[in-house]
């Protein structure tokens, strides 16, 4: 179930893996070299496991890929749900949390920050889900009235946002859905799923990431376009009305329904016709202005999305698995470091507190450390021993022996002969 936007202090460790490993090695001093070897081999094992997960996730996504050939496509709801579940698990591994855009943004905030009034349409969409991590509060500078007025807008800026969109299959789409698919650009088909990764998105801008987002004309612009038409068109039509009766009489005479046309009546009819042409030209001019304003809206919306987009579809899977691997490694590194430097066995809460304090003091990060995930990795690789509710890390020399044996067993084909 979707939650609110991730707050600062979520599980995302926003520091490079190599930088964290170097800081850990420096912290332990003389034992840094041996500990560094443990971290490198531990990272290699987790990298191999990540590669296996990547291949499995790509296999699930392939039938849903918009570019998949017809022979490999699967537009069923079951195929989408299988991929969605596996995809969500990998997102959680990379410390993403699901969010509900309706709970973290308002139309007023969106208008203020983007200058657009946006109403997303779910026509043709089976399901859409948003995931984010690394949220931080920030004050965004907003300019209005040609830059003359500046306003400060407080918003949560999310470091990474991933959007998963599943489209309806041929059996599920209705008349309105078909029109939407016809209007969409090449690359989207019924039954497909698209995945998009965006960077540094403010919470009021989430609606712009919706594939059915369409900007609507703001009341101010409607007034600017309609007022001249009303102010100019109504008086012209009122003055033309008497001449229009003459024009109708001339047309009736021309088609034989009335007697002779006098010269004065003909002149007045021509004047009325000229006036109607002028009114038609004015209406066309206002229509072109309306379309030009709509294009400016679309351009602003496209710019908001374009410059934040990092990857799409299968490319997101590579980034996601890589991000999950990074988080796995960093969590395991910190947990092993906290146990290794401790002079006594530590409880999980103590390991958690030590890791959070190290990240805060060394890198200025406020992180809700994922102690459960970190300990699960160390226990699975047998790098820790437990006694009741406390844990103790194996010395680096013993840990290297365990990791080396695990690495040798990754491709142990000779044992099968």
Protein backbone atom coordinates (compact mmCIF):
# COMPACT_ATOMS: atom_id res chain seq x y z
CA UNK A 1 0.00 0.00 0.00
CA UNK A 2 1.30 3.43 -0.90
CA UNK A 3 2.70 5.60 1.85
CA UNK A 4 3.53 9.25 2.17
CA UNK A 5 6.65 10.73 0.66
CA UNK A 6 9.88 9.39 2.19
CA UNK A 7 11.16 11.76 4.82
CA UNK A 8 14.77 12.72 5.43
CA UNK A 9 16.19 9.93 7.51
CA UNK A 10 14.93 7.07 5.32
CA UNK A 11 17.10 4.02 4.66
CA UNK A 12 18.89 5.48 1.63
CA UNK A 13 22.66 5.79 2.22
CA UNK A 14 23.67 8.60 -0.13
CA UNK A 15 27.40 7.97 -0.24
CA UNK A 16 29.46 6.00 -2.76
CA UNK A 17 30.34 2.43 -1.80
CA UNK A 18 34.08 2.95 -2.37
CA UNK A 19 34.02 6.15 -0.34
CA UNK A 20 32.31 4.39 2.56
CA UNK A 21 34.76 1.47 2.42
CA UNK A 22 37.70 3.88 2.52
CA UNK A 23 36.21 5.72 5.50
CA UNK A 24 35.66 2.42 7.36
CA UNK A 25 39.23 1.27 6.68
CA UNK A 26 40.55 4.61 7.90
CA UNK A 27 38.47 4.42 11.05
CA UNK A 28 39.86 1.05 12.17
CA UNK A 29 43.46 2.19 11.70
CA UNK A 30 46.07 -0.58 11.60
CA UNK A 31 43.54 -3.28 10.72
CA UNK A 32 42.27 -1.26 7.77
CA UNK A 33 44.05 -3.29 5.11
CA UNK A 34 42.64 -6.63 6.27
CA UNK A 35 39.19 -5.14 6.73
CA UNK A 36 39.43 -3.62 3.26
CA UNK A 37 40.03 -7.09 1.80
CA UNK A 38 36.95 -8.40 3.60
CA UNK A 39 34.82 -5.61 2.20
CA UNK A 40 36.10 -6.13 -1.35
CA UNK A 41 35.37 -9.85 -1.33
CA UNK A 42 32.01 -9.28 0.35
CA UNK A 43 31.16 -6.74 -2.36
CA UNK A 44 32.14 -9.22 -5.09
CA UNK A 45 29.79 -11.88 -3.70
CA UNK A 46 26.89 -9.45 -3.43
CA UNK A 47 27.61 -8.25 -6.98
CA UNK A 48 27.25 -11.79 -8.29
CA UNK A 49 23.95 -12.22 -6.47
CA UNK A 50 22.75 -8.91 -7.93
CA UNK A 51 23.57 -10.12 -11.44
CA UNK A 52 21.39 -13.18 -10.91
CA UNK A 53 18.49 -10.99 -9.76
CA UNK A 54 18.95 -8.69 -12.74
CA UNK A 55 18.62 -11.55 -15.22
CA UNK A 56 15.49 -12.81 -13.45
CA UNK A 57 13.91 -9.35 -13.45
CA UNK A 58 14.70 -8.80 -17.14
CA UNK A 59 13.07 -12.14 -17.94
CA UNK A 60 9.87 -11.02 -16.20
CA UNK A 61 9.90 -7.63 -17.94
CA UNK A 62 10.65 -8.84 -21.46
CA UNK A 63 7.03 -9.81 -22.37
CA UNK A 64 5.86 -6.38 -21.15
CA UNK A 65 8.54 -4.35 -22.91
CA UNK A 66 6.95 -2.03 -25.51
CA UNK A 67 9.74 -3.04 -27.92
CA UNK A 68 9.27 -6.79 -27.48
CA UNK A 69 8.48 -8.66 -30.74
CA UNK A 70 4.91 -10.03 -31.01
CA UNK A 71 6.04 -13.60 -30.43
CA UNK A 72 7.34 -12.76 -26.92
CA UNK A 73 4.55 -10.44 -25.74
CA UNK A 74 2.27 -11.25 -22.81
CA UNK A 75 -0.46 -8.66 -22.16
CA UNK A 76 -2.11 -10.56 -19.32
CA UNK A 77 -2.70 -9.08 -15.89
CA UNK A 78 -0.83 -12.01 -14.35
CA UNK A 79 2.35 -11.16 -16.28
CA UNK A 80 2.20 -7.56 -15.10
CA UNK A 81 1.58 -8.56 -11.48
CA UNK A 82 4.51 -11.01 -11.50
CA UNK A 83 6.85 -8.33 -12.73
CA UNK A 84 5.36 -5.69 -10.45
CA UNK A 85 5.93 -7.85 -7.36
CA UNK A 86 9.55 -8.65 -8.24
CA UNK A 87 10.19 -5.05 -9.23
CA UNK A 88 8.78 -3.79 -5.93
CA UNK A 89 11.06 -6.15 -4.00
CA UNK A 90 14.12 -4.79 -5.80
CA UNK A 91 12.97 -1.23 -5.16
CA UNK A 92 12.70 -2.01 -1.45
CA UNK A 93 16.22 -3.47 -1.56
CA UNK A 94 17.44 -0.15 -2.97
CA UNK A 95 15.60 1.66 -0.13
CA UNK A 96 12.74 3.04 -2.23
CA UNK A 97 9.32 3.41 -0.63
CA UNK A 98 6.00 3.55 -2.45
CA UNK A 99 4.20 6.88 -2.31
CA UNK A 100 0.73 8.13 -3.10
CA UNK A 101 1.04 11.43 -5.03
CA UNK A 102 -2.37 12.59 -3.80
CA UNK A 103 -1.10 12.65 -0.21
CA UNK A 104 2.06 14.70 -0.83
CA UNK A 105 0.91 17.36 -3.26
CA UNK A 106 -1.95 19.74 -3.87
CA UNK A 107 -3.13 21.42 -7.05
CA UNK A 108 -2.31 24.78 -5.51
CA UNK A 109 1.29 23.77 -4.81
CA UNK A 110 1.63 22.33 -8.33
CA UNK A 111 0.31 25.54 -9.88
CA UNK A 112 2.66 27.64 -7.75
CA UNK A 113 5.79 25.62 -8.51
CA UNK A 114 5.21 24.67 -12.15
CA UNK A 115 2.89 27.47 -13.24
CA UNK A 116 0.55 24.82 -14.66
CA UNK A 117 -2.87 23.43 -13.81
CA UNK A 118 -2.56 19.71 -14.54
CA UNK A 119 -5.26 17.07 -14.56
CA UNK A 120 -3.93 13.55 -15.23
CA UNK A 121 -6.07 11.06 -17.12
CA UNK A 122 -5.96 7.32 -16.39
CA UNK A 123 -7.53 6.38 -19.73
CA UNK A 124 -5.79 3.29 -21.12
CA UNK A 125 -3.84 2.71 -17.90
CA UNK A 126 -4.16 -0.53 -15.95
CA UNK A 127 -2.13 0.62 -12.96
CA UNK A 128 0.40 3.31 -12.06
CA UNK A 129 2.73 3.26 -9.06
CA UNK A 130 5.26 5.77 -7.73
CA UNK A 131 8.38 4.99 -5.68
CA UNK A 132 10.88 7.44 -4.19
CA UNK A 133 13.91 7.67 -1.94
CA UNK A 134 16.26 10.28 -0.52
CA UNK A 135 13.70 13.00 0.24
CA UNK A 136 14.99 16.24 1.69
CA UNK A 137 13.19 19.50 2.57
CA UNK A 138 14.18 22.40 0.36
CA UNK A 139 13.04 25.91 -0.47
CA UNK A 140 12.52 26.41 -4.20
CA UNK A 141 12.68 29.86 -5.77
CA UNK A 142 9.66 30.55 -7.97
CA UNK A 143 9.35 33.52 -10.33
CA UNK A 144 6.07 34.97 -11.52
CA UNK A 145 4.85 37.94 -13.57
CA UNK A 146 7.79 37.90 -15.98
CA UNK A 147 10.26 37.42 -13.15
CA UNK A 148 9.18 40.55 -11.27
CA UNK A 149 7.71 38.61 -8.36
CA UNK A 150 9.67 35.95 -6.49
CA UNK A 151 8.22 33.47 -4.05
CA UNK A 152 9.77 30.82 -1.83
CA UNK A 153 8.05 27.44 -2.07
CA UNK A 154 8.77 24.83 0.61
CA UNK A 155 8.75 21.29 -0.84
CA UNK A 156 10.26 17.85 -0.38
CA UNK A 157 12.82 17.17 -3.10
CA UNK A 158 13.14 13.45 -3.81
CA UNK A 159 16.56 12.35 -5.02
CA UNK A 160 15.15 9.47 -7.08
CA UNK A 161 11.63 8.72 -8.31
CA UNK A 162 10.64 5.59 -10.23
CA UNK A 163 7.29 5.35 -12.00
CA UNK A 164 5.79 2.03 -13.11
CA UNK A 165 2.89 2.20 -15.59
CA UNK A 166 0.95 -0.81 -16.85
CA UNK A 167 -1.35 -0.28 -19.84
CA UNK A 168 -4.61 -2.11 -20.46
CA UNK A 169 -4.68 -5.08 -22.81
CA UNK A 170 -6.71 -5.20 -26.01
CA UNK A 171 -9.51 -7.07 -24.20
CA UNK A 172 -9.83 -4.40 -21.50
CA UNK A 173 -9.72 -1.17 -23.47
CA UNK A 174 -12.85 0.78 -24.37
CA UNK A 175 -13.62 3.44 -26.94
CA UNK A 176 -12.00 6.23 -24.92
CA UNK A 177 -8.93 4.09 -24.29
CA UNK A 178 -8.50 3.45 -28.02
CA UNK A 179 -8.49 7.15 -28.68
CA UNK A 180 -5.77 7.61 -26.07
CA UNK A 181 -3.60 4.88 -27.59
CA UNK A 182 -4.08 6.44 -31.02
CA UNK A 183 -2.85 9.79 -29.70
CA UNK A 184 0.16 8.34 -27.89
CA UNK A 185 3.54 8.37 -29.51
CA UNK A 186 5.11 5.29 -31.01
CA UNK A 187 6.47 2.86 -28.44
CA UNK A 188 3.36 2.39 -26.29
CA UNK A 189 1.02 -0.51 -27.02
CA UNK A 190 -1.88 -2.19 -25.21
CA UNK A 191 -0.68 -4.60 -22.53
CA UNK A 192 2.80 -3.08 -22.28
CA UNK A 193 4.47 -1.66 -19.17
CA UNK A 194 6.82 1.29 -19.04
CA UNK A 195 9.29 2.14 -16.28
CA UNK A 196 10.81 5.59 -15.85
CA UNK A 197 13.48 6.90 -13.50
CA UNK A 198 13.61 10.60 -12.60
CA UNK A 199 16.03 12.64 -10.52
CA UNK A 200 15.49 15.53 -8.07
CA UNK A 201 11.71 15.80 -8.30
CA UNK A 202 9.78 18.10 -5.97
CA UNK A 203 6.63 16.60 -4.48
CA UNK A 204 4.34 19.12 -6.26
CA UNK A 205 5.88 18.02 -9.57
CA UNK A 206 4.92 14.36 -9.22
CA UNK A 207 1.78 14.85 -11.26
CA UNK A 208 3.91 15.95 -14.23
CA UNK A 209 5.40 12.42 -14.36
CA UNK A 210 2.00 10.88 -15.07
CA UNK A 211 1.81 9.66 -18.71
CA UNK A 212 -1.70 11.12 -18.96
CA UNK A 213 -0.75 14.54 -17.58
CA UNK A 214 -2.29 17.36 -19.58
CA UNK A 215 -2.06 21.05 -18.69
CA UNK A 216 -5.36 22.91 -18.71
CA UNK A 217 -5.85 26.60 -19.42
CA UNK A 218 -5.60 28.69 -16.27
CA UNK A 219 -8.51 31.09 -15.53
CA UNK A 220 -6.18 34.06 -15.90
CA UNK A 221 -5.20 33.06 -19.42
CA UNK A 222 -8.80 32.26 -20.29
CA UNK A 223 -9.77 35.80 -19.30
CA UNK A 224 -6.90 37.31 -21.28
CA UNK A 225 -7.98 35.43 -24.40
CA UNK A 226 -11.76 35.69 -24.01
CA UNK A 227 -12.05 39.31 -22.84
CA UNK A 228 -10.77 40.88 -26.11
CA UNK A 229 -13.05 38.58 -28.11
CA UNK A 230 -16.11 39.58 -26.08
CA UNK A 231 -15.20 43.27 -25.95
CA UNK A 232 -14.59 43.47 -29.69
CA UNK A 233 -16.95 40.86 -31.11
CA UNK A 234 -20.20 41.76 -29.34
CA UNK A 235 -20.34 45.46 -30.45
CA UNK A 236 -19.42 44.47 -34.00
CA UNK A 237 -22.20 41.88 -34.13
CA UNK A 238 -24.74 44.33 -32.69
CA UNK A 239 -23.85 46.90 -35.35
CA UNK A 240 -23.96 44.27 -38.09
CA UNK A 241 -27.34 42.87 -37.14
CA UNK A 242 -29.41 45.40 -39.14
CA UNK A 243 -27.16 44.85 -42.12
CA UNK A 244 -27.50 41.09 -41.82
CA UNK A 245 -31.23 41.34 -42.56
CA UNK A 246 -30.34 43.13 -45.79
CA UNK A 247 -27.79 40.43 -46.60
CA UNK A 248 -30.44 37.75 -46.17
CA UNK A 249 -32.81 39.72 -48.42
CA UNK A 250 -30.14 39.99 -51.11
CA UNK A 251 -29.50 36.27 -50.93
CA UNK A 252 -33.23 35.60 -51.20
CA UNK A 253 -33.48 37.81 -54.28
CA UNK A 254 -30.46 36.14 -55.81
CA UNK A 255 -32.10 32.75 -55.53
CA UNK A 256 -35.40 34.09 -56.91
CA UNK A 257 -37.39 34.26 -53.70
CA UNK A 258 -37.72 38.04 -53.74
CA UNK A 259 -38.00 40.95 -56.24
CA UNK A 260 -35.40 43.42 -57.55
CA UNK A 261 -32.34 44.38 -55.46
CA UNK A 262 -31.63 48.10 -55.16
CA UNK A 263 -28.07 49.49 -55.23
CA UNK A 264 -28.21 50.74 -51.63
CA UNK A 265 -29.29 47.34 -50.40
CA UNK A 266 -26.48 45.68 -52.32
CA UNK A 267 -23.91 48.03 -50.78
CA UNK A 268 -25.23 47.38 -47.29
CA UNK A 269 -25.13 43.64 -47.95
CA UNK A 270 -21.51 43.84 -49.07
CA UNK A 271 -20.68 45.85 -45.96
CA UNK A 272 -22.35 43.20 -43.79
CA UNK A 273 -20.41 40.47 -45.56
CA UNK A 274 -17.15 42.35 -45.02
CA UNK A 275 -18.00 42.72 -41.34
CA UNK A 276 -18.67 39.01 -41.01
CA UNK A 277 -15.35 38.22 -42.62
CA UNK A 278 -13.64 40.57 -40.17
CA UNK A 279 -15.37 38.88 -37.23
CA UNK A 280 -14.36 35.45 -38.57
CA UNK A 281 -10.77 36.57 -38.93
CA UNK A 282 -10.80 37.89 -35.35
CA UNK A 283 -12.21 34.63 -34.03
CA UNK A 284 -9.52 32.68 -35.91
CA UNK A 285 -6.86 34.96 -34.46
CA UNK A 286 -8.07 34.30 -30.90
CA UNK A 287 -8.15 30.56 -31.63
CA UNK A 288 -4.55 30.66 -32.80
CA UNK A 289 -3.62 32.52 -29.62
CA UNK A 290 -5.33 29.83 -27.58
CA UNK A 291 -3.43 27.09 -29.40
CA UNK A 292 -0.15 28.97 -29.00
CA UNK A 293 -0.75 29.27 -25.25
CA UNK A 294 -1.56 25.56 -25.08
CA UNK A 295 1.72 24.79 -26.86
CA UNK A 296 3.59 26.92 -24.33
CA UNK A 297 1.95 24.88 -21.57
CA UNK A 298 2.98 21.63 -23.23
CA UNK A 299 6.54 22.92 -23.68
CA UNK A 300 6.78 23.84 -20.00
CA UNK A 301 5.44 20.43 -19.00
CA UNK A 302 7.86 18.65 -21.35
CA UNK A 303 10.82 20.64 -19.98
CA UNK A 304 9.86 19.74 -16.41
CA UNK A 305 9.95 16.03 -17.26
CA UNK A 306 12.72 15.92 -19.88
CA UNK A 307 15.54 17.37 -17.81
CA UNK A 308 14.83 15.05 -14.87
CA UNK A 309 14.54 11.77 -16.79
CA UNK A 310 17.53 9.44 -16.29
CA UNK A 311 16.46 6.11 -17.79
CA UNK A 312 13.52 4.26 -19.31
CA UNK A 313 12.18 0.70 -19.39
CA UNK A 314 14.89 -1.99 -19.42
CA UNK A 315 17.54 0.64 -18.70
CA UNK A 316 15.87 1.34 -15.35
CA UNK A 317 16.28 -2.31 -14.37
CA UNK A 318 20.06 -2.11 -14.73
CA UNK A 319 20.16 1.05 -12.64
CA UNK A 320 17.81 -0.37 -10.04
CA UNK A 321 19.70 -3.61 -9.51
CA UNK A 322 22.93 -1.64 -9.32
CA UNK A 323 21.39 0.68 -6.73
CA UNK A 324 20.12 -2.29 -4.73
CA UNK A 325 23.56 -3.89 -4.80
CA UNK A 326 25.12 -0.63 -3.59
CA UNK A 327 22.72 -0.42 -0.67
CA UNK A 328 23.23 -4.11 0.19
CA UNK A 329 26.99 -3.65 0.28
CA UNK A 330 26.92 -0.46 2.31
CA UNK A 331 24.53 -1.93 4.88
CA UNK A 332 26.70 -5.06 5.27
CA UNK A 333 29.90 -2.98 5.42
CA UNK A 334 28.57 -0.81 8.23
CA UNK A 335 27.20 -3.71 10.27
CA UNK A 336 30.46 -5.67 10.02
CA UNK A 337 32.47 -2.55 10.87
CA UNK A 338 30.33 -1.81 13.94
CA UNK A 339 30.80 -5.38 15.24
CA UNK A 340 34.49 -5.48 14.37
CA UNK A 341 35.38 -2.29 16.25
CA UNK A 342 33.25 -3.19 19.27
CA UNK A 343 35.14 -4.50 22.26
CA UNK A 344 32.24 -6.78 23.16
CA UNK A 345 29.26 -8.49 21.52
CA UNK A 346 26.59 -6.01 20.45
CA UNK A 347 22.82 -6.13 20.23
CA UNK A 348 21.09 -5.11 17.02
CA UNK A 349 20.03 -1.78 18.46
CA UNK A 350 23.64 -0.97 19.33
CA UNK A 351 24.83 -1.87 15.83
CA UNK A 352 22.05 0.26 14.35
CA UNK A 353 22.98 3.25 16.54
CA UNK A 354 26.70 2.93 15.75
CA UNK A 355 26.07 2.84 11.99
CA UNK A 356 23.74 5.85 12.08
CA UNK A 357 26.19 7.82 14.23
CA UNK A 358 29.08 7.05 11.86
CA UNK A 359 27.11 8.20 8.81
CA UNK A 360 25.99 11.33 10.59
CA UNK A 361 29.41 12.31 11.93
CA UNK A 362 31.49 11.30 8.91
CA UNK A 363 29.18 12.24 6.01
CA UNK A 364 26.48 14.44 7.53
CA UNK A 365 23.74 11.95 6.60
CA UNK A 366 20.57 11.33 8.58
CA UNK A 367 19.77 7.69 7.80
CA UNK A 368 17.35 5.18 9.31
CA UNK A 369 19.76 2.27 9.08
CA UNK A 370 18.25 -1.02 7.85
CA UNK A 371 19.66 -3.25 10.58
CA UNK A 372 17.45 -6.24 9.71
CA UNK A 373 18.70 -6.35 6.12
CA UNK A 374 22.32 -5.83 7.15
CA UNK A 375 22.36 -8.63 9.72
CA UNK A 376 20.54 -11.02 7.40
CA UNK A 377 23.40 -10.73 4.88
CA UNK A 378 26.13 -11.25 7.48
CA UNK A 379 24.33 -14.24 9.02
CA UNK A 380 23.71 -15.83 5.62
CA UNK A 381 27.42 -15.56 4.77
CA UNK A 382 28.36 -16.77 8.29
CA UNK A 383 30.44 -13.69 9.07
CA UNK A 384 28.97 -13.28 12.56
CA UNK A 385 28.27 -15.47 15.55
CA UNK A 386 25.37 -14.93 17.91
CA UNK A 387 24.80 -15.54 21.57
CA UNK A 388 21.27 -14.84 22.66
CA UNK A 389 20.41 -11.31 21.48
CA UNK A 390 24.00 -10.21 20.84
CA UNK A 391 26.35 -10.67 17.89
CA UNK A 392 30.08 -10.74 17.32
CA UNK A 393 31.95 -10.49 14.01
CA UNK A 394 34.51 -13.02 12.89
CA UNK A 395 38.05 -11.63 12.79
CA UNK A 396 39.08 -10.42 9.29
CA UNK A 397 41.33 -13.46 8.73
CA UNK A 398 38.50 -15.92 9.47
CA UNK A 399 36.00 -13.79 7.53
CA UNK A 400 38.27 -13.88 4.47
CA UNK A 401 38.46 -17.67 4.69
CA UNK A 402 34.66 -17.94 4.81
CA UNK A 403 34.19 -15.49 1.94
CA UNK A 404 36.88 -17.16 -0.15
CA UNK A 405 35.17 -20.52 0.28
CA UNK A 406 31.83 -19.00 -0.67
CA UNK A 407 33.40 -17.41 -3.76
CA UNK A 408 34.99 -20.70 -4.79
CA UNK A 409 31.60 -22.35 -4.52
CA UNK A 410 29.90 -19.90 -6.89
CA UNK A 411 31.07 -21.83 -9.99
CA UNK A 412 32.03 -25.17 -8.53
CA UNK A 413 31.63 -27.17 -11.73
CA UNK A 414 34.46 -29.62 -10.96
CA UNK A 415 32.46 -31.05 -8.03
CA UNK A 416 29.69 -32.10 -10.45
CA UNK A 417 31.92 -34.35 -12.53
